[in-house]
Amino acid sequence: MAKDTLNGRQKVIEAAATMLALQGLRGISIREVTKFANAPLGSTYHNFPGGKYQIVTEAIIWAGDQAAQQLQTCLEMDKVQGINLFLSHWRTRLTKSQFRAGCPIVAAAIEAPQEEGAESVKEAVSQVFAKWQMLIANHLESLGHSSITAKTLALGIIASVEGAVVLCRGHQNTLALDAVLECVTKLVSCNFEQNPV
């Protein structure tokens, strides 16, 4: 595949991820994504023979990988406060977008269509959430939590963050995410296992 074709294809994937975050799954069409990406419509149909669901699936995986890389970087920068550092980036993203940009993965999860051919969207969402959970759980294990506790806490953190992002958008403020930031520090503390609530 030629470099220009690869670049054009990637622009469409990134455009779809942005549109998912801003407009949700129902706000996406091949024509609109192509226009947003400033890409030729004909080559978009050629590069994505599976149509809208192929574009969305690849956008979910790409966006999930971007978030995982940023999370990993934060965890490497600060072993104790790495998760909170990552959440502070989310806080900035929300405020910079004036609470318009949510999580593209959640948007796809909520609006995942039930019709035939859309299974790849649901599988991609599940794959991304599982990857994030594993990344956080591995980190929590490195802080001294047992494997079972780490997996449970990781899932709870993801659910809390995603819920907080929705609440922040709904309330047009960062109070929910600020609350999660405060709670995460307590959750990841190894004292949690010694003194369970």
Protein backbone atom coordinates (compact mmCIF):
# COMPACT_ATOMS: atom_id res chain seq x y z
CA MET A 1 0.00 0.00 0.00
CA ALA A 2 1.40 3.41 -1.00
CA LYS A 3 2.40 5.90 1.71
CA ASP A 4 -0.26 8.41 0.58
CA THR A 5 -2.90 5.69 0.76
CA LEU A 6 -1.76 4.71 4.26
CA ASN A 7 -1.79 8.35 5.38
CA GLY A 8 -5.26 8.89 3.92
CA ARG A 9 -6.52 5.71 5.54
CA GLN A 10 -5.10 6.74 8.93
CA LYS A 11 -6.67 10.20 8.63
CA VAL A 12 -10.07 8.56 8.19
CA ILE A 13 -9.54 6.33 11.26
CA GLU A 14 -8.48 9.28 13.41
CA ALA A 15 -11.36 11.40 12.11
CA ALA A 16 -13.81 8.63 13.01
CA ALA A 17 -12.35 8.42 16.55
CA THR A 18 -12.77 12.17 16.98
CA MET A 19 -16.31 12.07 15.64
CA LEU A 20 -17.18 9.20 17.99
CA ALA A 21 -15.98 11.28 20.94
CA LEU A 22 -17.93 14.35 19.82
CA GLN A 23 -21.05 12.98 18.17
CA GLY A 24 -21.37 9.33 19.08
CA LEU A 25 -21.78 6.37 16.76
CA ARG A 26 -25.06 7.51 15.26
CA GLY A 27 -23.43 10.79 14.21
CA ILE A 28 -21.04 8.97 11.89
CA SER A 29 -21.49 8.18 8.21
CA ILE A 30 -18.84 7.32 5.65
CA ARG A 31 -19.53 10.57 3.83
CA GLU A 32 -19.23 12.70 7.01
CA VAL A 33 -16.07 10.95 8.23
CA THR A 34 -14.48 11.34 4.81
CA LYS A 35 -15.37 15.02 4.77
CA PHE A 36 -14.05 15.51 8.32
CA ALA A 37 -10.80 13.75 7.35
CA ASN A 38 -10.55 15.78 4.14
CA ALA A 39 -10.09 12.51 2.25
CA PRO A 40 -11.43 11.40 -1.14
CA LEU A 41 -14.73 9.54 -0.83
CA GLY A 42 -13.83 6.97 -3.50
CA SER A 43 -10.59 5.96 -1.79
CA THR A 44 -12.39 5.71 1.56
CA TYR A 45 -14.81 3.17 0.12
CA HIS A 46 -11.82 1.36 -1.43
CA ASN A 47 -9.77 1.37 1.80
CA PHE A 48 -12.69 0.28 3.97
CA PRO A 49 -14.68 -2.31 2.01
CA GLY A 50 -16.51 -3.21 5.23
CA GLY A 51 -18.04 0.26 5.27
CA LYS A 52 -18.95 2.29 8.33
CA TYR A 53 -18.54 -0.55 10.82
CA GLN A 54 -15.03 -1.31 9.60
CA ILE A 55 -14.05 2.35 10.00
CA VAL A 56 -15.62 2.53 13.46
CA THR A 57 -14.02 -0.74 14.57
CA GLU A 58 -10.57 0.44 13.50
CA ALA A 59 -11.19 3.84 15.11
CA ILE A 60 -12.10 2.18 18.42
CA ILE A 61 -8.95 0.04 18.40
CA TRP A 62 -6.77 3.02 17.43
CA ALA A 63 -8.28 5.30 20.11
CA GLY A 64 -8.00 2.53 22.70
CA ASP A 65 -4.33 2.02 21.86
CA GLN A 66 -3.66 5.77 22.09
CA ALA A 67 -5.23 5.90 25.56
CA ALA A 68 -3.33 2.78 26.65
CA GLN A 69 -0.03 4.29 25.51
CA GLN A 70 -0.74 7.53 27.36
CA LEU A 71 -1.73 5.60 30.49
CA GLN A 72 1.44 3.48 30.30
CA THR A 73 3.55 6.63 29.96
CA CYS A 74 1.88 8.14 33.04
CA LEU A 75 2.40 4.96 35.06
CA GLU A 76 6.08 4.90 34.10
CA MET A 77 6.51 8.59 35.00
CA ASP A 78 5.05 8.21 38.49
CA LYS A 79 4.46 4.74 39.90
CA VAL A 80 2.29 5.94 42.80
CA GLN A 81 0.35 8.79 41.18
CA GLY A 82 0.46 7.59 37.55
CA ILE A 83 -3.26 6.81 37.32
CA ASN A 84 -4.13 10.25 38.70
CA LEU A 85 -1.72 11.84 36.24
CA PHE A 86 -3.59 10.09 33.43
CA LEU A 87 -6.93 11.26 34.84
CA SER A 88 -5.67 14.83 34.98
CA HIS A 89 -5.08 14.58 31.21
CA TRP A 90 -8.73 13.54 30.87
CA ARG A 91 -9.73 16.54 32.95
CA THR A 92 -7.80 18.83 30.60
CA ARG A 93 -9.35 17.18 27.55
CA LEU A 94 -12.84 17.73 28.89
CA THR A 95 -12.32 21.37 29.80
CA LYS A 96 -10.47 22.21 26.56
CA SER A 97 -13.33 20.77 24.52
CA GLN A 98 -15.87 22.62 26.71
CA PHE A 99 -17.20 19.21 27.75
CA ARG A 100 -18.02 18.25 24.16
CA ALA A 101 -15.46 15.44 23.78
CA GLY A 102 -16.28 12.22 25.59
CA CYS A 103 -14.73 8.79 25.34
CA PRO A 104 -15.10 7.28 21.85
CA ILE A 105 -15.09 3.78 23.30
CA VAL A 106 -18.04 4.51 25.58
CA ALA A 107 -19.91 6.18 22.73
CA ALA A 108 -19.50 3.04 20.65
CA ALA A 109 -20.43 0.78 23.58
CA ILE A 110 -23.64 2.66 24.31
CA GLU A 111 -24.75 2.91 20.70
CA ALA A 112 -23.41 -0.40 19.40
CA PRO A 113 -25.93 -1.55 16.82
CA GLN A 114 -27.58 -4.94 17.06
CA GLU A 115 -27.82 -5.63 13.35
CA GLU A 116 -25.72 -8.17 11.51
CA GLY A 117 -22.27 -6.95 10.60
CA ALA A 118 -21.86 -4.82 13.71
CA GLU A 119 -20.32 -7.56 15.86
CA SER A 120 -16.85 -6.18 15.18
CA VAL A 121 -17.78 -2.90 16.89
CA LYS A 122 -18.82 -4.68 20.10
CA GLU A 123 -15.77 -6.95 19.98
CA ALA A 124 -13.45 -3.94 19.58
CA VAL A 125 -15.05 -2.17 22.55
CA SER A 126 -14.64 -5.27 24.72
CA GLN A 127 -11.04 -5.73 23.55
CA VAL A 128 -10.12 -2.13 24.44
CA PHE A 129 -11.71 -2.26 27.90
CA ALA A 130 -9.97 -5.59 28.61
CA LYS A 131 -6.62 -4.12 27.54
CA TRP A 132 -7.06 -1.13 29.84
CA GLN A 133 -8.09 -3.38 32.72
CA MET A 134 -5.04 -5.59 32.25
CA LEU A 135 -2.72 -2.57 32.10
CA ILE A 136 -4.10 -1.07 35.32
CA ALA A 137 -4.28 -4.45 37.07
CA ASN A 138 -0.63 -5.21 36.26
CA HIS A 139 0.31 -1.82 37.68
CA LEU A 140 -1.70 -2.42 40.85
CA GLU A 141 -0.05 -5.81 41.28
CA SER A 142 3.32 -4.08 41.06
CA LEU A 143 2.18 -1.90 43.98
CA GLY A 144 1.50 -5.01 46.09
CA HIS A 145 -2.13 -5.91 45.44
CA SER A 146 -3.07 -9.53 44.85
CA SER A 147 -4.00 -10.51 41.30
CA ILE A 148 -7.72 -10.85 42.10
CA THR A 149 -7.89 -7.53 43.96
CA ALA A 150 -5.90 -5.77 41.22
CA LYS A 151 -8.31 -6.96 38.50
CA THR A 152 -11.34 -5.92 40.55
CA LEU A 153 -9.89 -2.50 41.37
CA ALA A 154 -8.84 -1.96 37.76
CA LEU A 155 -12.37 -2.66 36.55
CA GLY A 156 -13.78 -0.36 39.22
CA ILE A 157 -11.40 2.43 38.22
CA ILE A 158 -12.35 2.15 34.55
CA ALA A 159 -16.07 2.13 35.38
CA SER A 160 -15.63 5.13 37.70
CA VAL A 161 -13.66 7.14 35.17
CA GLU A 162 -16.01 6.43 32.29
CA GLY A 163 -19.02 7.24 34.44
CA ALA A 164 -17.34 10.44 35.65
CA VAL A 165 -16.67 11.56 32.07
CA VAL A 166 -20.38 11.14 31.27
CA LEU A 167 -21.36 13.07 34.41
CA CYS A 168 -18.86 15.84 33.65
CA ARG A 169 -20.37 16.27 30.21
CA GLY A 170 -23.87 16.22 31.66
CA HIS A 171 -23.14 18.74 34.40
CA GLN A 172 -20.65 20.78 32.33
CA ASN A 173 -18.12 20.74 35.15
CA THR A 174 -15.31 18.53 36.45
CA LEU A 175 -16.72 17.70 39.88
CA ALA A 176 -17.32 14.02 39.10
CA LEU A 177 -13.81 13.49 37.73
CA ASP A 178 -12.32 15.41 40.65
CA ALA A 179 -14.16 13.04 42.99
CA VAL A 180 -12.75 10.02 41.13
CA LEU A 181 -9.25 11.52 41.29
CA GLU A 182 -9.61 11.72 45.07
CA CYS A 183 -10.98 8.19 45.39
CA VAL A 184 -8.40 6.51 43.13
CA THR A 185 -5.57 7.46 45.49
CA LYS A 186 -7.38 5.67 48.32
CA LEU A 187 -8.29 2.69 46.15
CA VAL A 188 -4.78 1.95 44.95
CA SER A 189 -3.20 2.26 48.37
CA CYS A 190 -1.90 -1.12 49.55
CA ASN A 191 -3.46 -0.34 52.95
CA PHE A 192 -6.80 -1.08 51.27
CA GLU A 193 -6.06 -4.80 51.30
CA GLN A 194 -4.87 -4.74 54.90
CA ASN A 195 -7.90 -2.72 56.07
CA PRO A 196 -10.76 -3.59 53.73
CA VAL A 197 -13.80 -1.31 53.84
